[in-house]
Amino acid sequence: MEGQIVVETLRKAGVTVEAHRTRFRHNTPDEEWLAVVGEKKWIVLMRDKKIGQRPIQLQALMAARVRAFVLVTGELKVAQKAAIIINALPRILTIPESRAEYPAPYIAKIHRDGGVHMWRMGDQQLPLLRR
């Protein structure tokens, strides 16, 4: 239920959110659900820090032109994770608006301090740049 707490926290903050499980089965292949998300131009919020090390999933994300944000905070309580995401929301919501600077597809990391930095754009891994 960790994801549900984060979803509800985001909704209380006024963000329109659709949980993965409301549209897809838990075992839906990444290639399948990412294609739908990319088509709808939704933003993906995930905890999968290793997506950059799994070529098939990474390629699926990039091919679907997804804009993804990965929470890379380590072991924290759910309420702490939700607070970090809320703190990072202004930056998360600003990046999609700056399409010229950050065209999809990309993956950005959300850090414990609420900082957000671009990690991968297209097929390139970017140097650490915190904003």
N, C-alpha and C. Protein backbone atom coordinates (compact mmCIF):
# COMPACT_ATOMS: atom_id res chain seq x y z
N MET A 1 0.81 -1.20 0.00
CA MET A 1 0.00 0.00 0.00
C MET A 1 0.85 1.27 0.00
N GLU A 2 2.17 1.11 -0.06
CA GLU A 2 3.05 2.28 -0.07
C GLU A 2 2.69 3.23 -1.20
N GLY A 3 2.50 2.68 -2.38
CA GLY A 3 2.16 3.51 -3.53
C GLY A 3 0.86 4.26 -3.34
N GLN A 4 -0.11 3.64 -2.69
CA GLN A 4 -1.40 4.28 -2.47
C GLN A 4 -1.25 5.50 -1.57
N ILE A 5 -0.39 5.43 -0.57
CA ILE A 5 -0.18 6.57 0.32
C ILE A 5 0.42 7.74 -0.46
N VAL A 6 1.38 7.45 -1.32
CA VAL A 6 1.99 8.50 -2.14
C VAL A 6 0.95 9.08 -3.09
N VAL A 7 0.15 8.23 -3.71
CA VAL A 7 -0.90 8.70 -4.63
C VAL A 7 -1.86 9.62 -3.90
N GLU A 8 -2.33 9.22 -2.73
CA GLU A 8 -3.28 10.04 -1.97
C GLU A 8 -2.65 11.36 -1.53
N THR A 9 -1.38 11.33 -1.15
CA THR A 9 -0.68 12.56 -0.76
C THR A 9 -0.60 13.52 -1.94
N LEU A 10 -0.28 13.01 -3.11
CA LEU A 10 -0.23 13.84 -4.31
C LEU A 10 -1.61 14.40 -4.66
N ARG A 11 -2.63 13.59 -4.53
CA ARG A 11 -3.99 14.08 -4.81
C ARG A 11 -4.39 15.19 -3.85
N LYS A 12 -4.03 15.03 -2.57
CA LYS A 12 -4.34 16.08 -1.59
C LYS A 12 -3.60 17.37 -1.92
N ALA A 13 -2.47 17.27 -2.59
CA ALA A 13 -1.70 18.45 -3.01
C ALA A 13 -2.25 19.03 -4.31
N GLY A 14 -3.30 18.43 -4.86
CA GLY A 14 -3.93 18.97 -6.05
C GLY A 14 -3.40 18.42 -7.36
N VAL A 15 -2.63 17.34 -7.31
CA VAL A 15 -2.06 16.75 -8.51
C VAL A 15 -3.01 15.66 -9.02
N THR A 16 -3.26 15.64 -10.31
CA THR A 16 -4.05 14.57 -10.92
C THR A 16 -3.13 13.36 -11.09
N VAL A 17 -3.50 12.26 -10.48
CA VAL A 17 -2.65 11.07 -10.45
C VAL A 17 -3.48 9.85 -10.82
N GLU A 18 -2.87 8.98 -11.61
CA GLU A 18 -3.48 7.68 -11.88
C GLU A 18 -2.47 6.62 -11.48
N ALA A 19 -2.84 5.82 -10.51
CA ALA A 19 -1.94 4.75 -10.05
C ALA A 19 -1.81 3.68 -11.12
N HIS A 20 -0.64 3.09 -11.22
CA HIS A 20 -0.36 2.04 -12.20
C HIS A 20 -1.41 0.94 -12.12
N ARG A 21 -1.75 0.53 -10.91
CA ARG A 21 -2.65 -0.61 -10.74
C ARG A 21 -4.09 -0.33 -11.15
N THR A 22 -4.48 0.93 -11.31
CA THR A 22 -5.85 1.21 -11.72
C THR A 22 -6.05 0.98 -13.22
N ARG A 23 -4.96 0.99 -13.98
CA ARG A 23 -5.07 0.81 -15.43
C ARG A 23 -4.40 -0.48 -15.92
N PHE A 24 -3.38 -0.94 -15.20
CA PHE A 24 -2.60 -2.10 -15.65
C PHE A 24 -2.51 -3.14 -14.54
N ARG A 25 -2.37 -4.40 -14.94
CA ARG A 25 -2.09 -5.46 -13.96
C ARG A 25 -0.67 -5.27 -13.45
N HIS A 26 -0.39 -5.81 -12.27
CA HIS A 26 0.95 -5.64 -11.67
C HIS A 26 2.05 -6.27 -12.52
N ASN A 27 1.71 -7.28 -13.31
CA ASN A 27 2.72 -7.97 -14.11
C ASN A 27 2.69 -7.57 -15.59
N THR A 28 2.06 -6.43 -15.89
CA THR A 28 2.05 -5.95 -17.28
C THR A 28 3.48 -5.64 -17.68
N PRO A 29 3.94 -6.15 -18.81
CA PRO A 29 5.32 -5.87 -19.22
C PRO A 29 5.56 -4.37 -19.38
N ASP A 30 6.75 -3.93 -18.98
CA ASP A 30 7.10 -2.51 -19.07
C ASP A 30 6.87 -1.98 -20.48
N GLU A 31 7.22 -2.78 -21.47
CA GLU A 31 7.09 -2.33 -22.86
C GLU A 31 5.64 -1.97 -23.18
N GLU A 32 4.71 -2.68 -22.58
CA GLU A 32 3.29 -2.47 -22.86
C GLU A 32 2.76 -1.22 -22.16
N TRP A 33 2.96 -1.12 -20.85
CA TRP A 33 2.39 0.02 -20.14
C TRP A 33 3.12 1.32 -20.46
N LEU A 34 4.42 1.25 -20.71
CA LEU A 34 5.15 2.47 -21.07
C LEU A 34 4.68 3.03 -22.41
N ALA A 35 4.32 2.16 -23.34
CA ALA A 35 3.80 2.62 -24.63
C ALA A 35 2.51 3.42 -24.44
N VAL A 36 1.64 2.96 -23.56
CA VAL A 36 0.38 3.67 -23.29
C VAL A 36 0.67 5.01 -22.63
N VAL A 37 1.55 5.01 -21.64
CA VAL A 37 1.90 6.24 -20.93
C VAL A 37 2.52 7.26 -21.88
N GLY A 38 3.40 6.81 -22.73
CA GLY A 38 4.03 7.72 -23.70
C GLY A 38 3.02 8.30 -24.66
N GLU A 39 2.10 7.48 -25.12
CA GLU A 39 1.07 7.94 -26.05
C GLU A 39 0.20 9.02 -25.40
N LYS A 40 -0.10 8.86 -24.12
CA LYS A 40 -0.94 9.81 -23.41
C LYS A 40 -0.14 11.02 -22.88
N LYS A 41 1.19 10.96 -23.03
CA LYS A 41 2.09 12.03 -22.58
C LYS A 41 2.00 12.26 -21.07
N TRP A 42 1.80 11.16 -20.35
CA TRP A 42 1.77 11.25 -18.89
C TRP A 42 3.19 11.30 -18.36
N ILE A 43 3.34 11.79 -17.16
CA ILE A 43 4.61 11.78 -16.44
C ILE A 43 4.62 10.52 -15.57
N VAL A 44 5.73 9.81 -15.55
CA VAL A 44 5.86 8.60 -14.73
C VAL A 44 6.68 8.93 -13.50
N LEU A 45 6.18 8.53 -12.35
CA LEU A 45 6.89 8.64 -11.09
C LEU A 45 7.16 7.22 -10.63
N MET A 46 8.44 6.89 -10.41
CA MET A 46 8.79 5.51 -10.07
C MET A 46 9.87 5.45 -9.00
N ARG A 47 10.06 4.26 -8.46
CA ARG A 47 11.14 4.01 -7.50
C ARG A 47 12.21 3.11 -8.09
N ASP A 48 12.11 2.77 -9.35
CA ASP A 48 13.00 1.81 -9.99
C ASP A 48 14.33 2.46 -10.36
N LYS A 49 15.24 2.53 -9.38
CA LYS A 49 16.55 3.16 -9.58
C LYS A 49 17.41 2.40 -10.60
N LYS A 50 17.09 1.15 -10.84
CA LYS A 50 17.92 0.33 -11.71
C LYS A 50 17.45 0.31 -13.16
N ILE A 51 16.45 1.12 -13.48
CA ILE A 51 15.95 1.10 -14.85
C ILE A 51 17.05 1.46 -15.84
N GLY A 52 17.98 2.29 -15.44
CA GLY A 52 19.07 2.67 -16.33
C GLY A 52 20.06 1.54 -16.60
N GLN A 53 19.94 0.45 -15.84
CA GLN A 53 20.84 -0.69 -16.00
C GLN A 53 20.15 -1.87 -16.69
N ARG A 54 18.90 -1.71 -17.04
CA ARG A 54 18.15 -2.79 -17.70
C ARG A 54 17.82 -2.34 -19.12
N PRO A 55 18.61 -2.78 -20.08
CA PRO A 55 18.48 -2.26 -21.45
C PRO A 55 17.10 -2.40 -22.06
N ILE A 56 16.41 -3.50 -21.84
CA ILE A 56 15.10 -3.69 -22.48
C ILE A 56 14.09 -2.68 -21.94
N GLN A 57 14.03 -2.52 -20.61
CA GLN A 57 13.09 -1.58 -20.02
C GLN A 57 13.46 -0.13 -20.35
N LEU A 58 14.76 0.15 -20.32
CA LEU A 58 15.22 1.50 -20.65
C LEU A 58 14.87 1.83 -22.10
N GLN A 59 15.10 0.88 -23.00
CA GLN A 59 14.76 1.11 -24.41
C GLN A 59 13.26 1.30 -24.59
N ALA A 60 12.46 0.54 -23.84
CA ALA A 60 11.00 0.69 -23.93
C ALA A 60 10.58 2.09 -23.48
N LEU A 61 11.17 2.58 -22.40
CA LEU A 61 10.86 3.91 -21.90
C LEU A 61 11.24 4.97 -22.92
N MET A 62 12.42 4.84 -23.49
CA MET A 62 12.89 5.82 -24.47
C MET A 62 12.08 5.74 -25.77
N ALA A 63 11.76 4.54 -26.22
CA ALA A 63 10.99 4.37 -27.45
C ALA A 63 9.59 4.96 -27.31
N ALA A 64 9.04 4.89 -26.10
CA ALA A 64 7.69 5.41 -25.85
C ALA A 64 7.72 6.93 -25.59
N ARG A 65 8.90 7.52 -25.57
CA ARG A 65 9.08 8.96 -25.35
C ARG A 65 8.48 9.40 -24.01
N VAL A 66 8.77 8.61 -22.98
CA VAL A 66 8.24 8.85 -21.64
C VAL A 66 9.10 9.87 -20.90
N ARG A 67 8.43 10.65 -20.08
CA ARG A 67 9.07 11.58 -19.15
C ARG A 67 8.95 10.94 -17.77
N ALA A 68 10.07 10.48 -17.21
CA ALA A 68 10.03 9.71 -15.97
C ALA A 68 10.86 10.38 -14.88
N PHE A 69 10.40 10.23 -13.66
CA PHE A 69 11.09 10.73 -12.47
C PHE A 69 11.26 9.56 -11.50
N VAL A 70 12.50 9.35 -11.08
CA VAL A 70 12.82 8.22 -10.21
C VAL A 70 13.19 8.74 -8.83
N LEU A 71 12.50 8.26 -7.81
CA LEU A 71 12.80 8.62 -6.43
C LEU A 71 13.99 7.78 -5.97
N VAL A 72 15.10 8.43 -5.65
CA VAL A 72 16.34 7.72 -5.30
C VAL A 72 16.77 8.04 -3.87
N THR A 73 15.86 7.88 -2.94
CA THR A 73 16.11 8.31 -1.56
C THR A 73 16.62 7.23 -0.63
N GLY A 74 16.63 6.00 -1.07
CA GLY A 74 17.03 4.92 -0.16
C GLY A 74 15.87 4.55 0.75
N GLU A 75 16.21 3.96 1.86
CA GLU A 75 15.20 3.46 2.80
C GLU A 75 14.65 4.59 3.67
N LEU A 76 13.43 4.96 3.41
CA LEU A 76 12.72 5.96 4.20
C LEU A 76 11.30 5.49 4.43
N LYS A 77 10.65 6.08 5.40
CA LYS A 77 9.24 5.77 5.63
C LYS A 77 8.43 6.38 4.50
N VAL A 78 7.27 5.80 4.27
CA VAL A 78 6.41 6.22 3.17
C VAL A 78 6.06 7.70 3.28
N ALA A 79 5.75 8.16 4.48
CA ALA A 79 5.40 9.57 4.66
C ALA A 79 6.57 10.48 4.28
N GLN A 80 7.78 10.03 4.57
CA GLN A 80 8.96 10.82 4.19
C GLN A 80 9.11 10.87 2.68
N LYS A 81 8.90 9.73 2.02
CA LYS A 81 8.99 9.69 0.56
C LYS A 81 7.94 10.62 -0.06
N ALA A 82 6.74 10.57 0.46
CA ALA A 82 5.67 11.43 -0.06
C ALA A 82 6.03 12.90 0.13
N ALA A 83 6.61 13.25 1.28
CA ALA A 83 7.00 14.64 1.54
C ALA A 83 8.10 15.09 0.57
N ILE A 84 9.02 14.21 0.26
CA ILE A 84 10.09 14.53 -0.69
C ILE A 84 9.49 14.82 -2.07
N ILE A 85 8.56 14.00 -2.48
CA ILE A 85 7.93 14.20 -3.79
C ILE A 85 7.16 15.53 -3.81
N ILE A 86 6.43 15.82 -2.75
CA ILE A 86 5.70 17.10 -2.67
C ILE A 86 6.68 18.26 -2.75
N ASN A 87 7.80 18.15 -2.05
CA ASN A 87 8.83 19.19 -2.08
C ASN A 87 9.40 19.37 -3.49
N ALA A 88 9.51 18.28 -4.23
CA ALA A 88 10.08 18.31 -5.58
C ALA A 88 9.05 18.68 -6.66
N LEU A 89 7.78 18.71 -6.31
CA LEU A 89 6.72 18.94 -7.31
C LEU A 89 6.92 20.19 -8.17
N PRO A 90 7.30 21.34 -7.60
CA PRO A 90 7.46 22.50 -8.48
C PRO A 90 8.45 22.23 -9.63
N ARG A 91 9.53 21.56 -9.34
CA ARG A 91 10.52 21.25 -10.39
C ARG A 91 9.99 20.17 -11.33
N ILE A 92 9.36 19.15 -10.77
CA ILE A 92 8.82 18.07 -11.59
C ILE A 92 7.83 18.62 -12.60
N LEU A 93 6.97 19.53 -12.16
CA LEU A 93 5.93 20.07 -13.04
C LEU A 93 6.46 21.13 -13.99
N THR A 94 7.61 21.70 -13.70
CA THR A 94 8.20 22.72 -14.57
C THR A 94 8.96 22.09 -15.73
N ILE A 95 9.62 20.97 -15.50
CA ILE A 95 10.45 20.36 -16.54
C ILE A 95 9.65 20.04 -17.81
N PRO A 96 8.45 19.43 -17.73
CA PRO A 96 7.74 19.16 -18.98
C PRO A 96 7.39 20.42 -19.77
N GLU A 97 7.29 21.57 -19.08
CA GLU A 97 6.97 22.81 -19.77
C GLU A 97 8.16 23.34 -20.57
N SER A 98 9.36 22.95 -20.19
CA SER A 98 10.56 23.44 -20.87
C SER A 98 11.02 22.42 -21.91
N ARG A 99 10.15 22.09 -22.83
CA ARG A 99 10.40 21.04 -23.81
C ARG A 99 11.64 21.28 -24.66
N ALA A 100 11.97 22.53 -24.93
CA ALA A 100 13.15 22.79 -25.75
C ALA A 100 14.41 22.37 -25.01
N GLU A 101 14.47 22.63 -23.73
CA GLU A 101 15.65 22.27 -22.94
C GLU A 101 15.66 20.78 -22.60
N TYR A 102 14.48 20.22 -22.32
CA TYR A 102 14.37 18.83 -21.90
C TYR A 102 13.32 18.10 -22.73
N PRO A 103 13.61 17.80 -23.98
CA PRO A 103 12.62 17.09 -24.79
C PRO A 103 12.49 15.63 -24.35
N ALA A 104 11.29 15.11 -24.41
CA ALA A 104 11.08 13.69 -24.10
C ALA A 104 11.77 12.87 -25.18
N PRO A 105 12.26 11.72 -24.82
CA PRO A 105 12.17 11.03 -23.55
C PRO A 105 13.31 11.41 -22.61
N TYR A 106 13.02 11.27 -21.31
CA TYR A 106 14.07 11.49 -20.32
C TYR A 106 13.72 10.80 -19.01
N ILE A 107 14.75 10.66 -18.19
CA ILE A 107 14.59 10.19 -16.82
C ILE A 107 15.32 11.19 -15.94
N ALA A 108 14.63 11.66 -14.92
CA ALA A 108 15.23 12.56 -13.94
C ALA A 108 15.19 11.88 -12.58
N LYS A 109 16.15 12.20 -11.74
CA LYS A 109 16.19 11.64 -10.39
C LYS A 109 15.69 12.67 -9.39
N ILE A 110 14.92 12.19 -8.42
CA ILE A 110 14.46 13.01 -7.30
C ILE A 110 15.26 12.56 -6.08
N HIS A 111 15.93 13.51 -5.44
CA HIS A 111 16.79 13.19 -4.30
C HIS A 111 16.11 13.52 -2.97
N ARG A 112 16.72 13.05 -1.91
CA ARG A 112 16.19 13.20 -0.55
C ARG A 112 15.88 14.65 -0.20
N ASP A 113 16.70 15.58 -0.69
CA ASP A 113 16.50 16.99 -0.38
C ASP A 113 15.45 17.64 -1.29
N GLY A 114 14.80 16.85 -2.14
CA GLY A 114 13.80 17.38 -3.05
C GLY A 114 14.38 17.90 -4.35
N GLY A 115 15.71 17.85 -4.45
CA GLY A 115 16.36 18.27 -5.68
C GLY A 115 16.06 17.30 -6.81
N VAL A 116 16.01 17.83 -8.01
CA VAL A 116 15.73 17.03 -9.20
C VAL A 116 16.84 17.29 -10.20
N HIS A 117 17.39 16.23 -10.78
CA HIS A 117 18.36 16.43 -11.85
C HIS A 117 18.11 15.45 -12.98
N MET A 118 18.39 15.91 -14.17
CA MET A 118 18.23 15.06 -15.34
C MET A 118 19.31 13.97 -15.29
N TRP A 119 18.89 12.75 -15.58
CA TRP A 119 19.81 11.62 -15.53
C TRP A 119 20.08 11.08 -16.92
N ARG A 120 19.03 10.86 -17.68
CA ARG A 120 19.17 10.36 -19.05
C ARG A 120 18.21 11.11 -19.96
N MET A 121 18.72 11.47 -21.11
CA MET A 121 17.88 12.07 -22.15
C MET A 121 18.17 11.31 -23.42
N GLY A 122 17.13 10.81 -24.05
CA GLY A 122 17.35 9.98 -25.23
C GLY A 122 18.20 8.78 -24.84
N ASP A 123 19.27 8.55 -25.55
CA ASP A 123 20.13 7.41 -25.22
C ASP A 123 21.41 7.83 -24.53
N GLN A 124 21.45 9.04 -24.00
CA GLN A 124 22.67 9.48 -23.33
C GLN A 124 22.48 9.63 -21.82
N GLN A 125 23.48 9.25 -21.08
CA GLN A 125 23.48 9.45 -19.64
C GLN A 125 24.15 10.80 -19.39
N LEU A 126 23.53 11.61 -18.55
CA LEU A 126 24.02 12.96 -18.32
C LEU A 126 24.86 13.03 -17.06
N PRO A 127 25.78 14.00 -17.00
CA PRO A 127 26.54 14.20 -15.77
C PRO A 127 25.61 14.71 -14.67
N LEU A 128 25.98 14.52 -13.44
CA LEU A 128 25.18 14.96 -12.31
C LEU A 128 25.05 16.48 -12.35
N LEU A 129 23.82 16.94 -12.40
CA LEU A 129 23.53 18.38 -12.40
C LEU A 129 22.29 18.56 -11.56
N ARG A 130 22.45 19.06 -10.37
CA ARG A 130 21.32 19.22 -9.46
C ARG A 130 20.72 20.58 -9.61
N ARG A 131 19.41 20.62 -9.55
CA ARG A 131 18.69 21.90 -9.67
C ARG A 131 17.77 22.07 -8.50
